[in-house]
PDBML (XML) file of the C-alpha atoms, coordinates in Angstrom:
<?xml version="1.0" encoding="UTF-8" ?>
<PDBx:datablock datablockName="MODEL"
   xmlns:PDBx="http://pdbml.pdb.org/schema/pdbx-v50.xsd"
   xmlns:xsi="http://www.w3.org/2001/XMLSchema-instance"
   xsi:schemaLocation="http://pdbml.pdb.org/schema/pdbx-v50.xsd pdbx-v50.xsd">
   <PDBx:atom_siteCategory>
      <PDBx:atom_site id="1">
         <PDBx:B_iso_or_equiv>0.00</PDBx:B_iso_or_equiv>
         <PDBx:Cartn_x>-10.237</PDBx:Cartn_x>
         <PDBx:Cartn_y>-1.230</PDBx:Cartn_y>
         <PDBx:Cartn_z>3.283</PDBx:Cartn_z>
         <PDBx:auth_asym_id>A</PDBx:auth_asym_id>
         <PDBx:auth_atom_id>CA</PDBx:auth_atom_id>
         <PDBx:auth_comp_id>VAL</PDBx:auth_comp_id>
         <PDBx:auth_seq_id>1</PDBx:auth_seq_id>
         <PDBx:group_PDB>ATOM</PDBx:group_PDB>
         <PDBx:label_alt_id xsi:nil="true" />
         <PDBx:label_asym_id>A</PDBx:label_asym_id>
         <PDBx:label_atom_id>CA</PDBx:label_atom_id>
         <PDBx:label_comp_id>VAL</PDBx:label_comp_id>
         <PDBx:label_entity_id>1</PDBx:label_entity_id>
         <PDBx:label_seq_id>1</PDBx:label_seq_id>
         <PDBx:occupancy>1.00</PDBx:occupancy>
         <PDBx:pdbx_PDB_model_num>1</PDBx:pdbx_PDB_model_num>
         <PDBx:type_symbol>C</PDBx:type_symbol>
      </PDBx:atom_site>
      <PDBx:atom_site id="2">
         <PDBx:B_iso_or_equiv>0.00</PDBx:B_iso_or_equiv>
         <PDBx:Cartn_x>-8.195</PDBx:Cartn_x>
         <PDBx:Cartn_y>-1.364</PDBx:Cartn_y>
         <PDBx:Cartn_z>6.534</PDBx:Cartn_z>
         <PDBx:auth_asym_id>A</PDBx:auth_asym_id>
         <PDBx:auth_atom_id>CA</PDBx:auth_atom_id>
         <PDBx:auth_comp_id>ASN</PDBx:auth_comp_id>
         <PDBx:auth_seq_id>2</PDBx:auth_seq_id>
         <PDBx:group_PDB>ATOM</PDBx:group_PDB>
         <PDBx:label_alt_id xsi:nil="true" />
         <PDBx:label_asym_id>A</PDBx:label_asym_id>
         <PDBx:label_atom_id>CA</PDBx:label_atom_id>
         <PDBx:label_comp_id>ASN</PDBx:label_comp_id>
         <PDBx:label_entity_id>1</PDBx:label_entity_id>
         <PDBx:label_seq_id>2</PDBx:label_seq_id>
         <PDBx:occupancy>1.00</PDBx:occupancy>
         <PDBx:pdbx_PDB_model_num>1</PDBx:pdbx_PDB_model_num>
         <PDBx:type_symbol>C</PDBx:type_symbol>
      </PDBx:atom_site>
      <PDBx:atom_site id="3">
         <PDBx:B_iso_or_equiv>0.00</PDBx:B_iso_or_equiv>
         <PDBx:Cartn_x>-8.151</PDBx:Cartn_x>
         <PDBx:Cartn_y>-5.205</PDBx:Cartn_y>
         <PDBx:Cartn_z>6.234</PDBx:Cartn_z>
         <PDBx:auth_asym_id>A</PDBx:auth_asym_id>
         <PDBx:auth_atom_id>CA</PDBx:auth_atom_id>
         <PDBx:auth_comp_id>ASP</PDBx:auth_comp_id>
         <PDBx:auth_seq_id>3</PDBx:auth_seq_id>
         <PDBx:group_PDB>ATOM</PDBx:group_PDB>
         <PDBx:label_alt_id xsi:nil="true" />
         <PDBx:label_asym_id>A</PDBx:label_asym_id>
         <PDBx:label_atom_id>CA</PDBx:label_atom_id>
         <PDBx:label_comp_id>ASP</PDBx:label_comp_id>
         <PDBx:label_entity_id>1</PDBx:label_entity_id>
         <PDBx:label_seq_id>3</PDBx:label_seq_id>
         <PDBx:occupancy>1.00</PDBx:occupancy>
         <PDBx:pdbx_PDB_model_num>1</PDBx:pdbx_PDB_model_num>
         <PDBx:type_symbol>C</PDBx:type_symbol>
      </PDBx:atom_site>
      <PDBx:atom_site id="4">
         <PDBx:B_iso_or_equiv>0.00</PDBx:B_iso_or_equiv>
         <PDBx:Cartn_x>-7.428</PDBx:Cartn_x>
         <PDBx:Cartn_y>-5.547</PDBx:Cartn_y>
         <PDBx:Cartn_z>2.572</PDBx:Cartn_z>
         <PDBx:auth_asym_id>A</PDBx:auth_asym_id>
         <PDBx:auth_atom_id>CA</PDBx:auth_atom_id>
         <PDBx:auth_comp_id>ARG</PDBx:auth_comp_id>
         <PDBx:auth_seq_id>4</PDBx:auth_seq_id>
         <PDBx:group_PDB>ATOM</PDBx:group_PDB>
         <PDBx:label_alt_id xsi:nil="true" />
         <PDBx:label_asym_id>A</PDBx:label_asym_id>
         <PDBx:label_atom_id>CA</PDBx:label_atom_id>
         <PDBx:label_comp_id>ARG</PDBx:label_comp_id>
         <PDBx:label_entity_id>1</PDBx:label_entity_id>
         <PDBx:label_seq_id>4</PDBx:label_seq_id>
         <PDBx:occupancy>1.00</PDBx:occupancy>
         <PDBx:pdbx_PDB_model_num>1</PDBx:pdbx_PDB_model_num>
         <PDBx:type_symbol>C</PDBx:type_symbol>
      </PDBx:atom_site>
      <PDBx:atom_site id="5">
         <PDBx:B_iso_or_equiv>0.00</PDBx:B_iso_or_equiv>
         <PDBx:Cartn_x>-4.910</PDBx:Cartn_x>
         <PDBx:Cartn_y>-2.698</PDBx:Cartn_y>
         <PDBx:Cartn_z>1.680</PDBx:Cartn_z>
         <PDBx:auth_asym_id>A</PDBx:auth_asym_id>
         <PDBx:auth_atom_id>CA</PDBx:auth_atom_id>
         <PDBx:auth_comp_id>PHE</PDBx:auth_comp_id>
         <PDBx:auth_seq_id>5</PDBx:auth_seq_id>
         <PDBx:group_PDB>ATOM</PDBx:group_PDB>
         <PDBx:label_alt_id xsi:nil="true" />
         <PDBx:label_asym_id>A</PDBx:label_asym_id>
         <PDBx:label_atom_id>CA</PDBx:label_atom_id>
         <PDBx:label_comp_id>PHE</PDBx:label_comp_id>
         <PDBx:label_entity_id>1</PDBx:label_entity_id>
         <PDBx:label_seq_id>5</PDBx:label_seq_id>
         <PDBx:occupancy>1.00</PDBx:occupancy>
         <PDBx:pdbx_PDB_model_num>1</PDBx:pdbx_PDB_model_num>
         <PDBx:type_symbol>C</PDBx:type_symbol>
      </PDBx:atom_site>
      <PDBx:atom_site id="6">
         <PDBx:B_iso_or_equiv>0.00</PDBx:B_iso_or_equiv>
         <PDBx:Cartn_x>-1.566</PDBx:Cartn_x>
         <PDBx:Cartn_y>-2.186</PDBx:Cartn_y>
         <PDBx:Cartn_z>2.785</PDBx:Cartn_z>
         <PDBx:auth_asym_id>A</PDBx:auth_asym_id>
         <PDBx:auth_atom_id>CA</PDBx:auth_atom_id>
         <PDBx:auth_comp_id>THR</PDBx:auth_comp_id>
         <PDBx:auth_seq_id>6</PDBx:auth_seq_id>
         <PDBx:group_PDB>ATOM</PDBx:group_PDB>
         <PDBx:label_alt_id xsi:nil="true" />
         <PDBx:label_asym_id>A</PDBx:label_asym_id>
         <PDBx:label_atom_id>CA</PDBx:label_atom_id>
         <PDBx:label_comp_id>THR</PDBx:label_comp_id>
         <PDBx:label_entity_id>1</PDBx:label_entity_id>
         <PDBx:label_seq_id>6</PDBx:label_seq_id>
         <PDBx:occupancy>1.00</PDBx:occupancy>
         <PDBx:pdbx_PDB_model_num>1</PDBx:pdbx_PDB_model_num>
         <PDBx:type_symbol>C</PDBx:type_symbol>
      </PDBx:atom_site>
      <PDBx:atom_site id="7">
         <PDBx:B_iso_or_equiv>0.00</PDBx:B_iso_or_equiv>
         <PDBx:Cartn_x>0.297</PDBx:Cartn_x>
         <PDBx:Cartn_y>1.221</PDBx:Cartn_y>
         <PDBx:Cartn_z>2.388</PDBx:Cartn_z>
         <PDBx:auth_asym_id>A</PDBx:auth_asym_id>
         <PDBx:auth_atom_id>CA</PDBx:auth_atom_id>
         <PDBx:auth_comp_id>ILE</PDBx:auth_comp_id>
         <PDBx:auth_seq_id>7</PDBx:auth_seq_id>
         <PDBx:group_PDB>ATOM</PDBx:group_PDB>
         <PDBx:label_alt_id xsi:nil="true" />
         <PDBx:label_asym_id>A</PDBx:label_asym_id>
         <PDBx:label_atom_id>CA</PDBx:label_atom_id>
         <PDBx:label_comp_id>ILE</PDBx:label_comp_id>
         <PDBx:label_entity_id>1</PDBx:label_entity_id>
         <PDBx:label_seq_id>7</PDBx:label_seq_id>
         <PDBx:occupancy>1.00</PDBx:occupancy>
         <PDBx:pdbx_PDB_model_num>1</PDBx:pdbx_PDB_model_num>
         <PDBx:type_symbol>C</PDBx:type_symbol>
      </PDBx:atom_site>
      <PDBx:atom_site id="8">
         <PDBx:B_iso_or_equiv>0.00</PDBx:B_iso_or_equiv>
         <PDBx:Cartn_x>4.292</PDBx:Cartn_x>
         <PDBx:Cartn_y>0.971</PDBx:Cartn_y>
         <PDBx:Cartn_z>2.479</PDBx:Cartn_z>
         <PDBx:auth_asym_id>A</PDBx:auth_asym_id>
         <PDBx:auth_atom_id>CA</PDBx:auth_atom_id>
         <PDBx:auth_comp_id>THR</PDBx:auth_comp_id>
         <PDBx:auth_seq_id>8</PDBx:auth_seq_id>
         <PDBx:group_PDB>ATOM</PDBx:group_PDB>
         <PDBx:label_alt_id xsi:nil="true" />
         <PDBx:label_asym_id>A</PDBx:label_asym_id>
         <PDBx:label_atom_id>CA</PDBx:label_atom_id>
         <PDBx:label_comp_id>THR</PDBx:label_comp_id>
         <PDBx:label_entity_id>1</PDBx:label_entity_id>
         <PDBx:label_seq_id>8</PDBx:label_seq_id>
         <PDBx:occupancy>1.00</PDBx:occupancy>
         <PDBx:pdbx_PDB_model_num>1</PDBx:pdbx_PDB_model_num>
         <PDBx:type_symbol>C</PDBx:type_symbol>
      </PDBx:atom_site>
      <PDBx:atom_site id="9">
         <PDBx:B_iso_or_equiv>0.00</PDBx:B_iso_or_equiv>
         <PDBx:Cartn_x>6.727</PDBx:Cartn_x>
         <PDBx:Cartn_y>3.692</PDBx:Cartn_y>
         <PDBx:Cartn_z>1.720</PDBx:Cartn_z>
         <PDBx:auth_asym_id>A</PDBx:auth_asym_id>
         <PDBx:auth_atom_id>CA</PDBx:auth_atom_id>
         <PDBx:auth_comp_id>ARG</PDBx:auth_comp_id>
         <PDBx:auth_seq_id>9</PDBx:auth_seq_id>
         <PDBx:group_PDB>ATOM</PDBx:group_PDB>
         <PDBx:label_alt_id xsi:nil="true" />
         <PDBx:label_asym_id>A</PDBx:label_asym_id>
         <PDBx:label_atom_id>CA</PDBx:label_atom_id>
         <PDBx:label_comp_id>ARG</PDBx:label_comp_id>
         <PDBx:label_entity_id>1</PDBx:label_entity_id>
         <PDBx:label_seq_id>9</PDBx:label_seq_id>
         <PDBx:occupancy>1.00</PDBx:occupancy>
         <PDBx:pdbx_PDB_model_num>1</PDBx:pdbx_PDB_model_num>
         <PDBx:type_symbol>C</PDBx:type_symbol>
      </PDBx:atom_site>
      <PDBx:atom_site id="10">
         <PDBx:B_iso_or_equiv>0.00</PDBx:B_iso_or_equiv>
         <PDBx:Cartn_x>10.535</PDBx:Cartn_x>
         <PDBx:Cartn_y>4.093</PDBx:Cartn_y>
         <PDBx:Cartn_z>0.868</PDBx:Cartn_z>
         <PDBx:auth_asym_id>A</PDBx:auth_asym_id>
         <PDBx:auth_atom_id>CA</PDBx:auth_atom_id>
         <PDBx:auth_comp_id>ARG</PDBx:auth_comp_id>
         <PDBx:auth_seq_id>10</PDBx:auth_seq_id>
         <PDBx:group_PDB>ATOM</PDBx:group_PDB>
         <PDBx:label_alt_id xsi:nil="true" />
         <PDBx:label_asym_id>A</PDBx:label_asym_id>
         <PDBx:label_atom_id>CA</PDBx:label_atom_id>
         <PDBx:label_comp_id>ARG</PDBx:label_comp_id>
         <PDBx:label_entity_id>1</PDBx:label_entity_id>
         <PDBx:label_seq_id>10</PDBx:label_seq_id>
         <PDBx:occupancy>1.00</PDBx:occupancy>
         <PDBx:pdbx_PDB_model_num>1</PDBx:pdbx_PDB_model_num>
         <PDBx:type_symbol>C</PDBx:type_symbol>
      </PDBx:atom_site>
      <PDBx:atom_site id="11">
         <PDBx:B_iso_or_equiv>0.00</PDBx:B_iso_or_equiv>
         <PDBx:Cartn_x>11.566</PDBx:Cartn_x>
         <PDBx:Cartn_y>7.269</PDBx:Cartn_y>
         <PDBx:Cartn_z>2.031</PDBx:Cartn_z>
         <PDBx:auth_asym_id>A</PDBx:auth_asym_id>
         <PDBx:auth_atom_id>CA</PDBx:auth_atom_id>
         <PDBx:auth_comp_id>ARG</PDBx:auth_comp_id>
         <PDBx:auth_seq_id>11</PDBx:auth_seq_id>
         <PDBx:group_PDB>ATOM</PDBx:group_PDB>
         <PDBx:label_alt_id xsi:nil="true" />
         <PDBx:label_asym_id>A</PDBx:label_asym_id>
         <PDBx:label_atom_id>CA</PDBx:label_atom_id>
         <PDBx:label_comp_id>ARG</PDBx:label_comp_id>
         <PDBx:label_entity_id>1</PDBx:label_entity_id>
         <PDBx:label_seq_id>11</PDBx:label_seq_id>
         <PDBx:occupancy>1.00</PDBx:occupancy>
         <PDBx:pdbx_PDB_model_num>1</PDBx:pdbx_PDB_model_num>
         <PDBx:type_symbol>C</PDBx:type_symbol>
      </PDBx:atom_site>
      <PDBx:atom_site id="12">
         <PDBx:B_iso_or_equiv>0.00</PDBx:B_iso_or_equiv>
         <PDBx:Cartn_x>14.846</PDBx:Cartn_x>
         <PDBx:Cartn_y>7.702</PDBx:Cartn_y>
         <PDBx:Cartn_z>0.214</PDBx:Cartn_z>
         <PDBx:auth_asym_id>A</PDBx:auth_asym_id>
         <PDBx:auth_atom_id>CA</PDBx:auth_atom_id>
         <PDBx:auth_comp_id>PRO</PDBx:auth_comp_id>
         <PDBx:auth_seq_id>12</PDBx:auth_seq_id>
         <PDBx:group_PDB>ATOM</PDBx:group_PDB>
         <PDBx:label_alt_id xsi:nil="true" />
         <PDBx:label_asym_id>A</PDBx:label_asym_id>
         <PDBx:label_atom_id>CA</PDBx:label_atom_id>
         <PDBx:label_comp_id>PRO</PDBx:label_comp_id>
         <PDBx:label_entity_id>1</PDBx:label_entity_id>
         <PDBx:label_seq_id>12</PDBx:label_seq_id>
         <PDBx:occupancy>1.00</PDBx:occupancy>
         <PDBx:pdbx_PDB_model_num>1</PDBx:pdbx_PDB_model_num>
         <PDBx:type_symbol>C</PDBx:type_symbol>
      </PDBx:atom_site>
      <PDBx:atom_site id="13">
         <PDBx:B_iso_or_equiv>0.00</PDBx:B_iso_or_equiv>
         <PDBx:Cartn_x>13.438</PDBx:Cartn_x>
         <PDBx:Cartn_y>7.431</PDBx:Cartn_y>
         <PDBx:Cartn_z>-3.126</PDBx:Cartn_z>
         <PDBx:auth_asym_id>A</PDBx:auth_asym_id>
         <PDBx:auth_atom_id>CA</PDBx:auth_atom_id>
         <PDBx:auth_comp_id>ALA</PDBx:auth_comp_id>
         <PDBx:auth_seq_id>13</PDBx:auth_seq_id>
         <PDBx:group_PDB>ATOM</PDBx:group_PDB>
         <PDBx:label_alt_id xsi:nil="true" />
         <PDBx:label_asym_id>A</PDBx:label_asym_id>
         <PDBx:label_atom_id>CA</PDBx:label_atom_id>
         <PDBx:label_comp_id>ALA</PDBx:label_comp_id>
         <PDBx:label_entity_id>1</PDBx:label_entity_id>
         <PDBx:label_seq_id>13</PDBx:label_seq_id>
         <PDBx:occupancy>1.00</PDBx:occupancy>
         <PDBx:pdbx_PDB_model_num>1</PDBx:pdbx_PDB_model_num>
         <PDBx:type_symbol>C</PDBx:type_symbol>
      </PDBx:atom_site>
      <PDBx:atom_site id="14">
         <PDBx:B_iso_or_equiv>0.00</PDBx:B_iso_or_equiv>
         <PDBx:Cartn_x>10.029</PDBx:Cartn_x>
         <PDBx:Cartn_y>8.975</PDBx:Cartn_y>
         <PDBx:Cartn_z>-1.924</PDBx:Cartn_z>
         <PDBx:auth_asym_id>A</PDBx:auth_asym_id>
         <PDBx:auth_atom_id>CA</PDBx:auth_atom_id>
         <PDBx:auth_comp_id>ASN</PDBx:auth_comp_id>
         <PDBx:auth_seq_id>14</PDBx:auth_seq_id>
         <PDBx:group_PDB>ATOM</PDBx:group_PDB>
         <PDBx:label_alt_id xsi:nil="true" />
         <PDBx:label_asym_id>A</PDBx:label_asym_id>
         <PDBx:label_atom_id>CA</PDBx:label_atom_id>
         <PDBx:label_comp_id>ASN</PDBx:label_comp_id>
         <PDBx:label_entity_id>1</PDBx:label_entity_id>
         <PDBx:label_seq_id>14</PDBx:label_seq_id>
         <PDBx:occupancy>1.00</PDBx:occupancy>
         <PDBx:pdbx_PDB_model_num>1</PDBx:pdbx_PDB_model_num>
         <PDBx:type_symbol>C</PDBx:type_symbol>
      </PDBx:atom_site>
      <PDBx:atom_site id="15">
         <PDBx:B_iso_or_equiv>0.00</PDBx:B_iso_or_equiv>
         <PDBx:Cartn_x>7.984</PDBx:Cartn_x>
         <PDBx:Cartn_y>6.286</PDBx:Cartn_y>
         <PDBx:Cartn_z>-3.113</PDBx:Cartn_z>
         <PDBx:auth_asym_id>A</PDBx:auth_asym_id>
         <PDBx:auth_atom_id>CA</PDBx:auth_atom_id>
         <PDBx:auth_comp_id>THR</PDBx:auth_comp_id>
         <PDBx:auth_seq_id>15</PDBx:auth_seq_id>
         <PDBx:group_PDB>ATOM</PDBx:group_PDB>
         <PDBx:label_alt_id xsi:nil="true" />
         <PDBx:label_asym_id>A</PDBx:label_asym_id>
         <PDBx:label_atom_id>CA</PDBx:label_atom_id>
         <PDBx:label_comp_id>THR</PDBx:label_comp_id>
         <PDBx:label_entity_id>1</PDBx:label_entity_id>
         <PDBx:label_seq_id>15</PDBx:label_seq_id>
         <PDBx:occupancy>1.00</PDBx:occupancy>
         <PDBx:pdbx_PDB_model_num>1</PDBx:pdbx_PDB_model_num>
         <PDBx:type_symbol>C</PDBx:type_symbol>
      </PDBx:atom_site>
      <PDBx:atom_site id="16">
         <PDBx:B_iso_or_equiv>0.00</PDBx:B_iso_or_equiv>
         <PDBx:Cartn_x>4.812</PDBx:Cartn_x>
         <PDBx:Cartn_y>4.939</PDBx:Cartn_y>
         <PDBx:Cartn_z>-1.781</PDBx:Cartn_z>
         <PDBx:auth_asym_id>A</PDBx:auth_asym_id>
         <PDBx:auth_atom_id>CA</PDBx:auth_atom_id>
         <PDBx:auth_comp_id>VAL</PDBx:auth_comp_id>
         <PDBx:auth_seq_id>16</PDBx:auth_seq_id>
         <PDBx:group_PDB>ATOM</PDBx:group_PDB>
         <PDBx:label_alt_id xsi:nil="true" />
         <PDBx:label_asym_id>A</PDBx:label_asym_id>
         <PDBx:label_atom_id>CA</PDBx:label_atom_id>
         <PDBx:label_comp_id>VAL</PDBx:label_comp_id>
         <PDBx:label_entity_id>1</PDBx:label_entity_id>
         <PDBx:label_seq_id>16</PDBx:label_seq_id>
         <PDBx:occupancy>1.00</PDBx:occupancy>
         <PDBx:pdbx_PDB_model_num>1</PDBx:pdbx_PDB_model_num>
         <PDBx:type_symbol>C</PDBx:type_symbol>
      </PDBx:atom_site>
      <PDBx:atom_site id="17">
         <PDBx:B_iso_or_equiv>0.00</PDBx:B_iso_or_equiv>
         <PDBx:Cartn_x>2.809</PDBx:Cartn_x>
         <PDBx:Cartn_y>1.605</PDBx:Cartn_y>
         <PDBx:Cartn_z>-2.726</PDBx:Cartn_z>
         <PDBx:auth_asym_id>A</PDBx:auth_asym_id>
         <PDBx:auth_atom_id>CA</PDBx:auth_atom_id>
         <PDBx:auth_comp_id>ASN</PDBx:auth_comp_id>
         <PDBx:auth_seq_id>17</PDBx:auth_seq_id>
         <PDBx:group_PDB>ATOM</PDBx:group_PDB>
         <PDBx:label_alt_id xsi:nil="true" />
         <PDBx:label_asym_id>A</PDBx:label_asym_id>
         <PDBx:label_atom_id>CA</PDBx:label_atom_id>
         <PDBx:label_comp_id>ASN</PDBx:label_comp_id>
         <PDBx:label_entity_id>1</PDBx:label_entity_id>
         <PDBx:label_seq_id>17</PDBx:label_seq_id>
         <PDBx:occupancy>1.00</PDBx:occupancy>
         <PDBx:pdbx_PDB_model_num>1</PDBx:pdbx_PDB_model_num>
         <PDBx:type_symbol>C</PDBx:type_symbol>
      </PDBx:atom_site>
      <PDBx:atom_site id="18">
         <PDBx:B_iso_or_equiv>0.00</PDBx:B_iso_or_equiv>
         <PDBx:Cartn_x>-0.392</PDBx:Cartn_x>
         <PDBx:Cartn_y>0.371</PDBx:Cartn_y>
         <PDBx:Cartn_z>-2.132</PDBx:Cartn_z>
         <PDBx:auth_asym_id>A</PDBx:auth_asym_id>
         <PDBx:auth_atom_id>CA</PDBx:auth_atom_id>
         <PDBx:auth_comp_id>LEU</PDBx:auth_comp_id>
         <PDBx:auth_seq_id>18</PDBx:auth_seq_id>
         <PDBx:group_PDB>ATOM</PDBx:group_PDB>
         <PDBx:label_alt_id xsi:nil="true" />
         <PDBx:label_asym_id>A</PDBx:label_asym_id>
         <PDBx:label_atom_id>CA</PDBx:label_atom_id>
         <PDBx:label_comp_id>LEU</PDBx:label_comp_id>
         <PDBx:label_entity_id>1</PDBx:label_entity_id>
         <PDBx:label_seq_id>18</PDBx:label_seq_id>
         <PDBx:occupancy>1.00</PDBx:occupancy>
         <PDBx:pdbx_PDB_model_num>1</PDBx:pdbx_PDB_model_num>
         <PDBx:type_symbol>C</PDBx:type_symbol>
      </PDBx:atom_site>
      <PDBx:atom_site id="19">
         <PDBx:B_iso_or_equiv>0.00</PDBx:B_iso_or_equiv>
         <PDBx:Cartn_x>-0.817</PDBx:Cartn_x>
         <PDBx:Cartn_y>-3.294</PDBx:Cartn_y>
         <PDBx:Cartn_z>-1.929</PDBx:Cartn_z>
         <PDBx:auth_asym_id>A</PDBx:auth_asym_id>
         <PDBx:auth_atom_id>CA</PDBx:auth_atom_id>
         <PDBx:auth_comp_id>ARG</PDBx:auth_comp_id>
         <PDBx:auth_seq_id>19</PDBx:auth_seq_id>
         <PDBx:group_PDB>ATOM</PDBx:group_PDB>
         <PDBx:label_alt_id xsi:nil="true" />
         <PDBx:label_asym_id>A</PDBx:label_asym_id>
         <PDBx:label_atom_id>CA</PDBx:label_atom_id>
         <PDBx:label_comp_id>ARG</PDBx:label_comp_id>
         <PDBx:label_entity_id>1</PDBx:label_entity_id>
         <PDBx:label_seq_id>19</PDBx:label_seq_id>
         <PDBx:occupancy>1.00</PDBx:occupancy>
         <PDBx:pdbx_PDB_model_num>1</PDBx:pdbx_PDB_model_num>
         <PDBx:type_symbol>C</PDBx:type_symbol>
      </PDBx:atom_site>
      <PDBx:atom_site id="20">
         <PDBx:B_iso_or_equiv>0.00</PDBx:B_iso_or_equiv>
         <PDBx:Cartn_x>-4.651</PDBx:Cartn_x>
         <PDBx:Cartn_y>-4.178</PDBx:Cartn_y>
         <PDBx:Cartn_z>-2.531</PDBx:Cartn_z>
         <PDBx:auth_asym_id>A</PDBx:auth_asym_id>
         <PDBx:auth_atom_id>CA</PDBx:auth_atom_id>
         <PDBx:auth_comp_id>MET</PDBx:auth_comp_id>
         <PDBx:auth_seq_id>20</PDBx:auth_seq_id>
         <PDBx:group_PDB>ATOM</PDBx:group_PDB>
         <PDBx:label_alt_id xsi:nil="true" />
         <PDBx:label_asym_id>A</PDBx:label_asym_id>
         <PDBx:label_atom_id>CA</PDBx:label_atom_id>
         <PDBx:label_comp_id>MET</PDBx:label_comp_id>
         <PDBx:label_entity_id>1</PDBx:label_entity_id>
         <PDBx:label_seq_id>20</PDBx:label_seq_id>
         <PDBx:occupancy>1.00</PDBx:occupancy>
         <PDBx:pdbx_PDB_model_num>1</PDBx:pdbx_PDB_model_num>
         <PDBx:type_symbol>C</PDBx:type_symbol>
      </PDBx:atom_site>
      <PDBx:atom_site id="21">
         <PDBx:B_iso_or_equiv>0.00</PDBx:B_iso_or_equiv>
         <PDBx:Cartn_x>-6.211</PDBx:Cartn_x>
         <PDBx:Cartn_y>-7.581</PDBx:Cartn_y>
         <PDBx:Cartn_z>-2.085</PDBx:Cartn_z>
         <PDBx:auth_asym_id>A</PDBx:auth_asym_id>
         <PDBx:auth_atom_id>CA</PDBx:auth_atom_id>
         <PDBx:auth_comp_id>THR</PDBx:auth_comp_id>
         <PDBx:auth_seq_id>21</PDBx:auth_seq_id>
         <PDBx:group_PDB>ATOM</PDBx:group_PDB>
         <PDBx:label_alt_id xsi:nil="true" />
         <PDBx:label_asym_id>A</PDBx:label_asym_id>
         <PDBx:label_atom_id>CA</PDBx:label_atom_id>
         <PDBx:label_comp_id>THR</PDBx:label_comp_id>
         <PDBx:label_entity_id>1</PDBx:label_entity_id>
         <PDBx:label_seq_id>21</PDBx:label_seq_id>
         <PDBx:occupancy>1.00</PDBx:occupancy>
         <PDBx:pdbx_PDB_model_num>1</PDBx:pdbx_PDB_model_num>
         <PDBx:type_symbol>C</PDBx:type_symbol>
      </PDBx:atom_site>
      <PDBx:atom_site id="22">
         <PDBx:B_iso_or_equiv>0.00</PDBx:B_iso_or_equiv>
         <PDBx:Cartn_x>-9.571</PDBx:Cartn_x>
         <PDBx:Cartn_y>-9.235</PDBx:Cartn_y>
         <PDBx:Cartn_z>-2.314</PDBx:Cartn_z>
         <PDBx:auth_asym_id>A</PDBx:auth_asym_id>
         <PDBx:auth_atom_id>CA</PDBx:auth_atom_id>
         <PDBx:auth_comp_id>ASP</PDBx:auth_comp_id>
         <PDBx:auth_seq_id>22</PDBx:auth_seq_id>
         <PDBx:group_PDB>ATOM</PDBx:group_PDB>
         <PDBx:label_alt_id xsi:nil="true" />
         <PDBx:label_asym_id>A</PDBx:label_asym_id>
         <PDBx:label_atom_id>CA</PDBx:label_atom_id>
         <PDBx:label_comp_id>ASP</PDBx:label_comp_id>
         <PDBx:label_entity_id>1</PDBx:label_entity_id>
         <PDBx:label_seq_id>22</PDBx:label_seq_id>
         <PDBx:occupancy>1.00</PDBx:occupancy>
         <PDBx:pdbx_PDB_model_num>1</PDBx:pdbx_PDB_model_num>
         <PDBx:type_symbol>C</PDBx:type_symbol>
      </PDBx:atom_site>
      <PDBx:atom_site id="23">
         <PDBx:B_iso_or_equiv>0.00</PDBx:B_iso_or_equiv>
         <PDBx:Cartn_x>-10.818</PDBx:Cartn_x>
         <PDBx:Cartn_y>-6.387</PDBx:Cartn_y>
         <PDBx:Cartn_z>-4.437</PDBx:Cartn_z>
         <PDBx:auth_asym_id>A</PDBx:auth_asym_id>
         <PDBx:auth_atom_id>CA</PDBx:auth_atom_id>
         <PDBx:auth_comp_id>LEU</PDBx:auth_comp_id>
         <PDBx:auth_seq_id>23</PDBx:auth_seq_id>
         <PDBx:group_PDB>ATOM</PDBx:group_PDB>
         <PDBx:label_alt_id xsi:nil="true" />
         <PDBx:label_asym_id>A</PDBx:label_asym_id>
         <PDBx:label_atom_id>CA</PDBx:label_atom_id>
         <PDBx:label_comp_id>LEU</PDBx:label_comp_id>
         <PDBx:label_entity_id>1</PDBx:label_entity_id>
         <PDBx:label_seq_id>23</PDBx:label_seq_id>
         <PDBx:occupancy>1.00</PDBx:occupancy>
         <PDBx:pdbx_PDB_model_num>1</PDBx:pdbx_PDB_model_num>
         <PDBx:type_symbol>C</PDBx:type_symbol>
      </PDBx:atom_site>
      <PDBx:atom_site id="24">
         <PDBx:B_iso_or_equiv>0.00</PDBx:B_iso_or_equiv>
         <PDBx:Cartn_x>-14.389</PDBx:Cartn_x>
         <PDBx:Cartn_y>-5.652</PDBx:Cartn_y>
         <PDBx:Cartn_z>-4.689</PDBx:Cartn_z>
         <PDBx:auth_asym_id>A</PDBx:auth_asym_id>
         <PDBx:auth_atom_id>CA</PDBx:auth_atom_id>
         <PDBx:auth_comp_id>LYS</PDBx:auth_comp_id>
         <PDBx:auth_seq_id>24</PDBx:auth_seq_id>
         <PDBx:group_PDB>ATOM</PDBx:group_PDB>
         <PDBx:label_alt_id xsi:nil="true" />
         <PDBx:label_asym_id>A</PDBx:label_asym_id>
         <PDBx:label_atom_id>CA</PDBx:label_atom_id>
         <PDBx:label_comp_id>LYS</PDBx:label_comp_id>
         <PDBx:label_entity_id>1</PDBx:label_entity_id>
         <PDBx:label_seq_id>24</PDBx:label_seq_id>
         <PDBx:occupancy>1.00</PDBx:occupancy>
         <PDBx:pdbx_PDB_model_num>1</PDBx:pdbx_PDB_model_num>
         <PDBx:type_symbol>C</PDBx:type_symbol>
      </PDBx:atom_site>
   </PDBx:atom_siteCategory>
</PDBx:datablock>
């Protein structure tokens, strides 16, 4: 997934997202 997914974090709200592209 390292060329297709992106993980991001917003610490004050303790949230984390995973953007997934070119799904298989």
